[in-house]
Amino acid sequence: MTSNNTFVPLSDVERDALAEIANVAMGRAATSLRLLVHNEVILTVPSIEILLDRDAATVITRSDQSLLIAVHEDFRGLFSGRALLIFPEKNSLELVRAIVGRDMPLDEVAELEIEAIQETGNIVLNSWISTLANLLKHNLMMSVPQVIRGDGSVIFQTTEEKFVLFLHINFAIRETRISGYLALLMDLPSMEALRALIADFVASFEKK
């Protein structure tokens, strides 16, 4: 990636490093969610890529999941941006049921939807950002979680072109399987700073 906004795909080394960070982060998030739901939670990350925000919006806005719900938290430090956990809206009540249990009446589940989605997002996003910060040895400050709804253009609404570190996530909670996305929305300087830190992270292992 260069300063003239030319996209440079992730190298195999960068992708492997991010996959390792993602696995650690999702493991920590799964442990925290397990305490919340009192049941086994499995989080996997089958794919990682960097996209422009408009391309990421297209990926998450498909004919069968055009309505989305997302939890977002802003972060700042050596690099800054916005972290988002995104689900198709049709899956949100299924996620809430997996968290609160299937014996709860549907009207009560609906009342708890925002709170449960917000708490899930807060756990996953904080696990990801704190793991990223710890492994890259730089502090990142997080804002409070907010919930938004809309299509991809609303979820990734920005005033200028940005890049998205885009992770597809599979959830397995109480025999419920739900797919979602975790995204870090950053401008070019922040993305370049992140890639520089990843290079340092890789170099530290190569020296061992």
C-alpha atoms as a PDB file:
ATOM      1  CA  MET A   1       0.000   0.000   0.000  1.00  0.00           C
ATOM      2  CA  THR A   2       1.417   3.390  -0.965  1.00  0.00           C
ATOM      3  CA  SER A   3       0.702   7.008  -0.160  1.00  0.00           C
ATOM      4  CA  ASN A   4      -1.212   7.576  -3.420  1.00  0.00           C
ATOM      5  CA  ASN A   5      -4.036   5.269  -2.278  1.00  0.00           C
ATOM      6  CA  THR A   6      -2.878   2.434  -4.528  1.00  0.00           C
ATOM      7  CA  PHE A   7      -4.027  -0.809  -2.984  1.00  0.00           C
ATOM      8  CA  VAL A   8      -1.351  -3.402  -2.317  1.00  0.00           C
ATOM      9  CA  PRO A   9      -2.778  -6.825  -1.378  1.00  0.00           C
ATOM     10  CA  LEU A  10      -1.724  -8.480   1.856  1.00  0.00           C
ATOM     11  CA  SER A  11       1.397 -10.583   1.516  1.00  0.00           C
ATOM     12  CA  ASP A  12       1.287 -14.197   2.649  1.00  0.00           C
ATOM     13  CA  VAL A  13       3.405 -13.250   5.671  1.00  0.00           C
ATOM     14  CA  GLU A  14       1.052 -10.392   6.629  1.00  0.00           C
ATOM     15  CA  ARG A  15      -1.986 -12.598   6.181  1.00  0.00           C
ATOM     16  CA  ASP A  16      -0.442 -15.347   8.334  1.00  0.00           C
ATOM     17  CA  ALA A  17       0.464 -12.819  11.051  1.00  0.00           C
ATOM     18  CA  LEU A  18      -3.044 -11.367  11.067  1.00  0.00           C
ATOM     19  CA  ALA A  19      -4.528 -14.867  11.143  1.00  0.00           C
ATOM     20  CA  GLU A  20      -2.420 -15.652  14.221  1.00  0.00           C
ATOM     21  CA  ILE A  21      -3.532 -12.430  15.920  1.00  0.00           C
ATOM     22  CA  ALA A  22      -7.155 -13.150  14.970  1.00  0.00           C
ATOM     23  CA  ASN A  23      -6.999 -16.683  16.383  1.00  0.00           C
ATOM     24  CA  VAL A  24      -5.658 -15.402  19.714  1.00  0.00           C
ATOM     25  CA  ALA A  25      -8.263 -12.606  19.823  1.00  0.00           C
ATOM     26  CA  MET A  26     -11.177 -14.884  18.966  1.00  0.00           C
ATOM     27  CA  GLY A  27     -10.014 -17.421  21.544  1.00  0.00           C
ATOM     28  CA  ARG A  28     -10.141 -14.728  24.230  1.00  0.00           C
ATOM     29  CA  ALA A  29     -13.525 -13.505  23.007  1.00  0.00           C
ATOM     30  CA  ALA A  30     -14.909 -17.054  23.055  1.00  0.00           C
ATOM     31  CA  THR A  31     -13.746 -17.487  26.662  1.00  0.00           C
ATOM     32  CA  SER A  32     -15.490 -14.252  27.694  1.00  0.00           C
ATOM     33  CA  LEU A  33     -18.683 -15.159  25.809  1.00  0.00           C
ATOM     34  CA  ARG A  34     -18.662 -18.621  27.389  1.00  0.00           C
ATOM     35  CA  LEU A  35     -18.974 -16.959  30.800  1.00  0.00           C
ATOM     36  CA  LEU A  36     -21.898 -14.902  29.477  1.00  0.00           C
ATOM     37  CA  VAL A  37     -23.892 -17.751  27.932  1.00  0.00           C
ATOM     38  CA  HIS A  38     -22.770 -20.574  30.262  1.00  0.00           C
ATOM     39  CA  ASN A  39     -22.147 -22.785  27.265  1.00  0.00           C
ATOM     40  CA  GLU A  40     -19.420 -23.608  24.775  1.00  0.00           C
ATOM     41  CA  VAL A  41     -18.671 -20.868  22.258  1.00  0.00           C
ATOM     42  CA  ILE A  42     -16.571 -21.388  19.151  1.00  0.00           C
ATOM     43  CA  LEU A  43     -15.370 -18.443  17.069  1.00  0.00           C
ATOM     44  CA  THR A  44     -13.425 -19.044  13.885  1.00  0.00           C
ATOM     45  CA  VAL A  45     -11.993 -16.674  11.266  1.00  0.00           C
ATOM     46  CA  PRO A  46     -11.997 -18.381   7.851  1.00  0.00           C
ATOM     47  CA  SER A  47     -10.871 -15.353   5.830  1.00  0.00           C
ATOM     48  CA  ILE A  48      -8.992 -12.057   6.207  1.00  0.00           C
ATOM     49  CA  GLU A  49      -8.588  -9.371   3.573  1.00  0.00           C
ATOM     50  CA  ILE A  50      -8.162  -5.628   3.100  1.00  0.00           C
ATOM     51  CA  LEU A  51     -10.804  -3.870   0.986  1.00  0.00           C
ATOM     52  CA  LEU A  52     -11.843  -0.338   0.174  1.00  0.00           C
ATOM     53  CA  ASP A  53     -14.886   0.703   2.218  1.00  0.00           C
ATOM     54  CA  ARG A  54     -17.179   0.693  -0.843  1.00  0.00           C
ATOM     55  CA  ASP A  55     -16.085  -2.860  -1.710  1.00  0.00           C
ATOM     56  CA  ALA A  56     -16.608  -4.018   1.881  1.00  0.00           C
ATOM     57  CA  ALA A  57     -20.101  -2.479   1.789  1.00  0.00           C
ATOM     58  CA  THR A  58     -20.865  -4.509  -1.339  1.00  0.00           C
ATOM     59  CA  VAL A  59     -19.656  -7.748   0.271  1.00  0.00           C
ATOM     60  CA  ILE A  60     -21.921  -7.415   3.308  1.00  0.00           C
ATOM     61  CA  THR A  61     -24.951  -6.121   1.364  1.00  0.00           C
ATOM     62  CA  ARG A  62     -26.228  -9.167  -0.473  1.00  0.00           C
ATOM     63  CA  SER A  63     -29.733  -9.911  -1.631  1.00  0.00           C
ATOM     64  CA  ASP A  64     -30.371 -12.249   1.295  1.00  0.00           C
ATOM     65  CA  GLN A  65     -28.881 -10.010   3.979  1.00  0.00           C
ATOM     66  CA  SER A  66     -29.302  -6.411   2.859  1.00  0.00           C
ATOM     67  CA  LEU A  67     -30.493  -5.345   6.325  1.00  0.00           C
ATOM     68  CA  LEU A  68     -27.641  -5.389   8.833  1.00  0.00           C
ATOM     69  CA  ILE A  69     -27.064  -4.686  12.492  1.00  0.00           C
ATOM     70  CA  ALA A  70     -23.638  -3.697  13.782  1.00  0.00           C
ATOM     71  CA  VAL A  71     -21.891  -2.763  17.003  1.00  0.00           C
ATOM     72  CA  HIS A  72     -19.106  -0.237  16.552  1.00  0.00           C
ATOM     73  CA  GLU A  73     -16.417   1.219  18.794  1.00  0.00           C
ATOM     74  CA  ASP A  74     -13.873   3.848  17.810  1.00  0.00           C
ATOM     75  CA  PHE A  75     -10.229   3.266  18.729  1.00  0.00           C
ATOM     76  CA  ARG A  76      -7.235   5.567  18.747  1.00  0.00           C
ATOM     77  CA  GLY A  77      -3.517   5.309  19.341  1.00  0.00           C
ATOM     78  CA  LEU A  78      -0.580   4.935  16.983  1.00  0.00           C
ATOM     79  CA  PHE A  79      -3.244   4.033  14.438  1.00  0.00           C
ATOM     80  CA  SER A  80      -6.923   4.950  14.718  1.00  0.00           C
ATOM     81  CA  GLY A  81     -10.244   3.970  13.242  1.00  0.00           C
ATOM     82  CA  ARG A  82     -13.494   2.193  13.948  1.00  0.00           C
ATOM     83  CA  ALA A  83     -14.026  -1.471  14.869  1.00  0.00           C
ATOM     84  CA  LEU A  84     -17.324  -3.069  13.863  1.00  0.00           C
ATOM     85  CA  LEU A  85     -19.009  -6.411  14.518  1.00  0.00           C
ATOM     86  CA  ILE A  86     -21.655  -6.910  11.817  1.00  0.00           C
ATOM     87  CA  PHE A  87     -24.510  -9.412  11.444  1.00  0.00           C
ATOM     88  CA  PRO A  88     -27.382  -9.820   9.005  1.00  0.00           C
ATOM     89  CA  GLU A  89     -30.357  -8.409  10.912  1.00  0.00           C
ATOM     90  CA  LYS A  90     -32.327 -11.623  10.340  1.00  0.00           C
ATOM     91  CA  ASN A  91     -29.715 -13.434  12.464  1.00  0.00           C
ATOM     92  CA  SER A  92     -29.746 -10.996  15.369  1.00  0.00           C
ATOM     93  CA  LEU A  93     -32.649 -12.592  17.260  1.00  0.00           C
ATOM     94  CA  GLU A  94     -31.068 -16.002  16.698  1.00  0.00           C
ATOM     95  CA  LEU A  95     -27.905 -14.706  18.335  1.00  0.00           C
ATOM     96  CA  VAL A  96     -29.907 -13.271  21.242  1.00  0.00           C
ATOM     97  CA  ARG A  97     -31.716 -16.603  21.700  1.00  0.00           C
ATOM     98  CA  ALA A  98     -28.365 -18.369  21.783  1.00  0.00           C
ATOM     99  CA  ILE A  99     -27.270 -15.994  24.544  1.00  0.00           C
ATOM    100  CA  VAL A 100     -30.407 -15.828  26.728  1.00  0.00           C
ATOM    101  CA  GLY A 101     -31.754 -19.329  26.020  1.00  0.00           C
ATOM    102  CA  ARG A 102     -34.568 -20.647  23.839  1.00  0.00           C
ATOM    103  CA  ASP A 103     -37.132 -20.892  26.629  1.00  0.00           C
ATOM    104  CA  MET A 104     -37.590 -17.129  26.789  1.00  0.00           C
ATOM    105  CA  PRO A 105     -40.739 -15.827  25.000  1.00  0.00           C
ATOM    106  CA  LEU A 106     -40.085 -14.149  21.640  1.00  0.00           C
ATOM    107  CA  ASP A 107     -41.408 -10.742  22.790  1.00  0.00           C
ATOM    108  CA  GLU A 108     -38.954 -10.729  25.696  1.00  0.00           C
ATOM    109  CA  VAL A 109     -36.115 -11.785  23.385  1.00  0.00           C
ATOM    110  CA  ALA A 110     -36.904  -8.814  21.128  1.00  0.00           C
ATOM    111  CA  GLU A 111     -36.759  -6.455  24.107  1.00  0.00           C
ATOM    112  CA  LEU A 112     -33.279  -7.723  24.992  1.00  0.00           C
ATOM    113  CA  GLU A 113     -31.974  -7.667  21.411  1.00  0.00           C
ATOM    114  CA  ILE A 114     -30.043  -4.375  21.500  1.00  0.00           C
ATOM    115  CA  GLU A 115     -28.556  -5.034  24.945  1.00  0.00           C
ATOM    116  CA  ALA A 116     -27.439  -8.558  23.997  1.00  0.00           C
ATOM    117  CA  ILE A 117     -26.013  -7.487  20.619  1.00  0.00           C
ATOM    118  CA  GLN A 118     -24.225  -4.580  22.288  1.00  0.00           C
ATOM    119  CA  GLU A 119     -22.707  -6.809  24.964  1.00  0.00           C
ATOM    120  CA  THR A 120     -21.620  -9.416  22.409  1.00  0.00           C
ATOM    121  CA  GLY A 121     -20.056  -6.737  20.241  1.00  0.00           C
ATOM    122  CA  ASN A 122     -18.306  -5.161  23.197  1.00  0.00           C
ATOM    123  CA  ILE A 123     -16.750  -8.505  24.196  1.00  0.00           C
ATOM    124  CA  VAL A 124     -15.610  -9.443  20.693  1.00  0.00           C
ATOM    125  CA  LEU A 125     -14.354  -5.986  19.704  1.00  0.00           C
ATOM    126  CA  ASN A 126     -12.483  -5.398  22.956  1.00  0.00           C
ATOM    127  CA  SER A 127     -10.895  -8.852  22.758  1.00  0.00           C
ATOM    128  CA  TRP A 128      -9.768  -8.165  19.201  1.00  0.00           C
ATOM    129  CA  ILE A 129      -8.457  -4.639  19.820  1.00  0.00           C
ATOM    130  CA  SER A 130      -6.756  -5.461  23.133  1.00  0.00           C
ATOM    131  CA  THR A 131      -5.083  -8.527  21.595  1.00  0.00           C
ATOM    132  CA  LEU A 132      -3.975  -6.511  18.584  1.00  0.00           C
ATOM    133  CA  ALA A 133      -2.582  -3.809  20.865  1.00  0.00           C
ATOM    134  CA  ASN A 134      -0.792  -6.263  23.165  1.00  0.00           C
ATOM    135  CA  LEU A 135       0.814  -8.312  20.411  1.00  0.00           C
ATOM    136  CA  LEU A 136       1.870  -5.203  18.506  1.00  0.00           C
ATOM    137  CA  LYS A 137       3.036  -3.573  21.774  1.00  0.00           C
ATOM    138  CA  HIS A 138       1.025  -0.359  21.403  1.00  0.00           C
ATOM    139  CA  ASN A 139      -1.865   0.931  23.505  1.00  0.00           C
ATOM    140  CA  LEU A 140      -5.219   1.603  21.856  1.00  0.00           C
ATOM    141  CA  MET A 141      -8.057   3.480  23.572  1.00  0.00           C
ATOM    142  CA  MET A 142     -11.658   2.354  22.919  1.00  0.00           C
ATOM    143  CA  SER A 143     -14.939   4.277  22.937  1.00  0.00           C
ATOM    144  CA  VAL A 144     -18.237   2.928  24.310  1.00  0.00           C
ATOM    145  CA  PRO A 145     -20.142   0.551  21.985  1.00  0.00           C
ATOM    146  CA  GLN A 146     -22.934   1.848  19.758  1.00  0.00           C
ATOM    147  CA  VAL A 147     -25.491  -0.138  17.734  1.00  0.00           C
ATOM    148  CA  ILE A 148     -26.468   0.857  14.197  1.00  0.00           C
ATOM    149  CA  ARG A 149     -28.763  -0.665  11.546  1.00  0.00           C
ATOM    150  CA  GLY A 150     -28.826  -0.327   7.786  1.00  0.00           C
ATOM    151  CA  ASP A 151     -27.270  -1.621   4.606  1.00  0.00           C
ATOM    152  CA  GLY A 152     -23.550  -1.724   3.825  1.00  0.00           C
ATOM    153  CA  SER A 153     -23.425   1.933   2.802  1.00  0.00           C
ATOM    154  CA  VAL A 154     -24.813   2.955   6.198  1.00  0.00           C
ATOM    155  CA  ILE A 155     -22.560   0.603   8.168  1.00  0.00           C
ATOM    156  CA  PHE A 156     -19.429   1.904   6.410  1.00  0.00           C
ATOM    157  CA  GLN A 157     -20.585   5.493   5.998  1.00  0.00           C
ATOM    158  CA  THR A 158     -17.548   7.798   5.836  1.00  0.00           C
ATOM    159  CA  THR A 159     -16.748  11.263   4.524  1.00  0.00           C
ATOM    160  CA  GLU A 160     -13.634  10.062   2.711  1.00  0.00           C
ATOM    161  CA  GLU A 161     -12.361   6.861   1.161  1.00  0.00           C
ATOM    162  CA  LYS A 162     -11.074   4.411   3.751  1.00  0.00           C
ATOM    163  CA  PHE A 163      -9.722   0.899   3.938  1.00  0.00           C
ATOM    164  CA  VAL A 164     -11.260  -2.016   5.801  1.00  0.00           C
ATOM    165  CA  LEU A 165      -9.406  -4.868   7.441  1.00  0.00           C
ATOM    166  CA  PHE A 166     -12.174  -7.380   6.896  1.00  0.00           C
ATOM    167  CA  LEU A 167     -12.633 -10.681   8.760  1.00  0.00           C
ATOM    168  CA  HIS A 168     -15.375 -13.195   8.147  1.00  0.00           C
ATOM    169  CA  ILE A 169     -16.349 -14.799  11.485  1.00  0.00           C
ATOM    170  CA  ASN A 170     -18.295 -17.979  12.204  1.00  0.00           C
ATOM    171  CA  PHE A 171     -20.066 -18.239  15.588  1.00  0.00           C
ATOM    172  CA  ALA A 172     -21.172 -21.506  17.149  1.00  0.00           C
ATOM    173  CA  ILE A 173     -23.167 -20.985  20.369  1.00  0.00           C
ATOM    174  CA  ARG A 174     -25.540 -23.565  21.862  1.00  0.00           C
ATOM    175  CA  GLU A 175     -25.699 -25.477  18.579  1.00  0.00           C
ATOM    176  CA  THR A 176     -26.562 -22.258  16.738  1.00  0.00           C
ATOM    177  CA  ARG A 177     -24.308 -21.329  13.830  1.00  0.00           C
ATOM    178  CA  ILE A 178     -24.221 -17.667  12.838  1.00  0.00           C
ATOM    179  CA  SER A 179     -21.937 -15.913  10.397  1.00  0.00           C
ATOM    180  CA  GLY A 180     -20.878 -12.304  10.771  1.00  0.00           C
ATOM    181  CA  TYR A 181     -18.074  -9.917  10.009  1.00  0.00           C
ATOM    182  CA  LEU A 182     -15.485  -8.064  12.038  1.00  0.00           C
ATOM    183  CA  ALA A 183     -14.086  -4.968  10.357  1.00  0.00           C
ATOM    184  CA  LEU A 184     -11.509  -2.335  11.204  1.00  0.00           C
ATOM    185  CA  LEU A 185     -12.227   0.841   9.241  1.00  0.00           C
ATOM    186  CA  MET A 186      -9.093   2.988   8.874  1.00  0.00           C
ATOM    187  CA  ASP A 187      -7.676   5.739   6.708  1.00  0.00           C
ATOM    188  CA  LEU A 188      -4.524   5.155   4.678  1.00  0.00           C
ATOM    189  CA  PRO A 189      -1.986   6.484   7.254  1.00  0.00           C
ATOM    190  CA  SER A 190      -3.490   4.244   9.951  1.00  0.00           C
ATOM    191  CA  MET A 191      -3.481   1.238   7.653  1.00  0.00           C
ATOM    192  CA  GLU A 192       0.164   1.885   6.773  1.00  0.00           C
ATOM    193  CA  ALA A 193       0.990   2.227  10.493  1.00  0.00           C
ATOM    194  CA  LEU A 194      -0.738  -1.097  11.184  1.00  0.00           C
ATOM    195  CA  ARG A 195       1.171  -2.844   8.417  1.00  0.00           C
ATOM    196  CA  ALA A 196       4.445  -1.446   9.776  1.00  0.00           C
ATOM    197  CA  LEU A 197       3.612  -2.838  13.224  1.00  0.00           C
ATOM    198  CA  ILE A 198       2.745  -6.199  11.686  1.00  0.00           C
ATOM    199  CA  ALA A 199       6.168  -6.192   9.992  1.00  0.00           C
ATOM    200  CA  ASP A 200       7.791  -5.561  13.394  1.00  0.00           C
ATOM    201  CA  PHE A 201       5.676  -8.362  14.874  1.00  0.00           C
ATOM    202  CA  VAL A 202       6.841 -10.783  12.183  1.00  0.00           C
ATOM    203  CA  ALA A 203      10.485  -9.670  12.533  1.00  0.00           C
ATOM    204  CA  SER A 204      10.403 -10.298  16.294  1.00  0.00           C
ATOM    205  CA  PHE A 205       9.491 -13.942  15.651  1.00  0.00           C
ATOM    206  CA  GLU A 206      12.080 -14.364  12.925  1.00  0.00           C
ATOM    207  CA  LYS A 207      14.798 -13.323  15.400  1.00  0.00           C
ATOM    208  CA  LYS A 208      13.831 -16.086  17.850  1.00  0.00           C
END
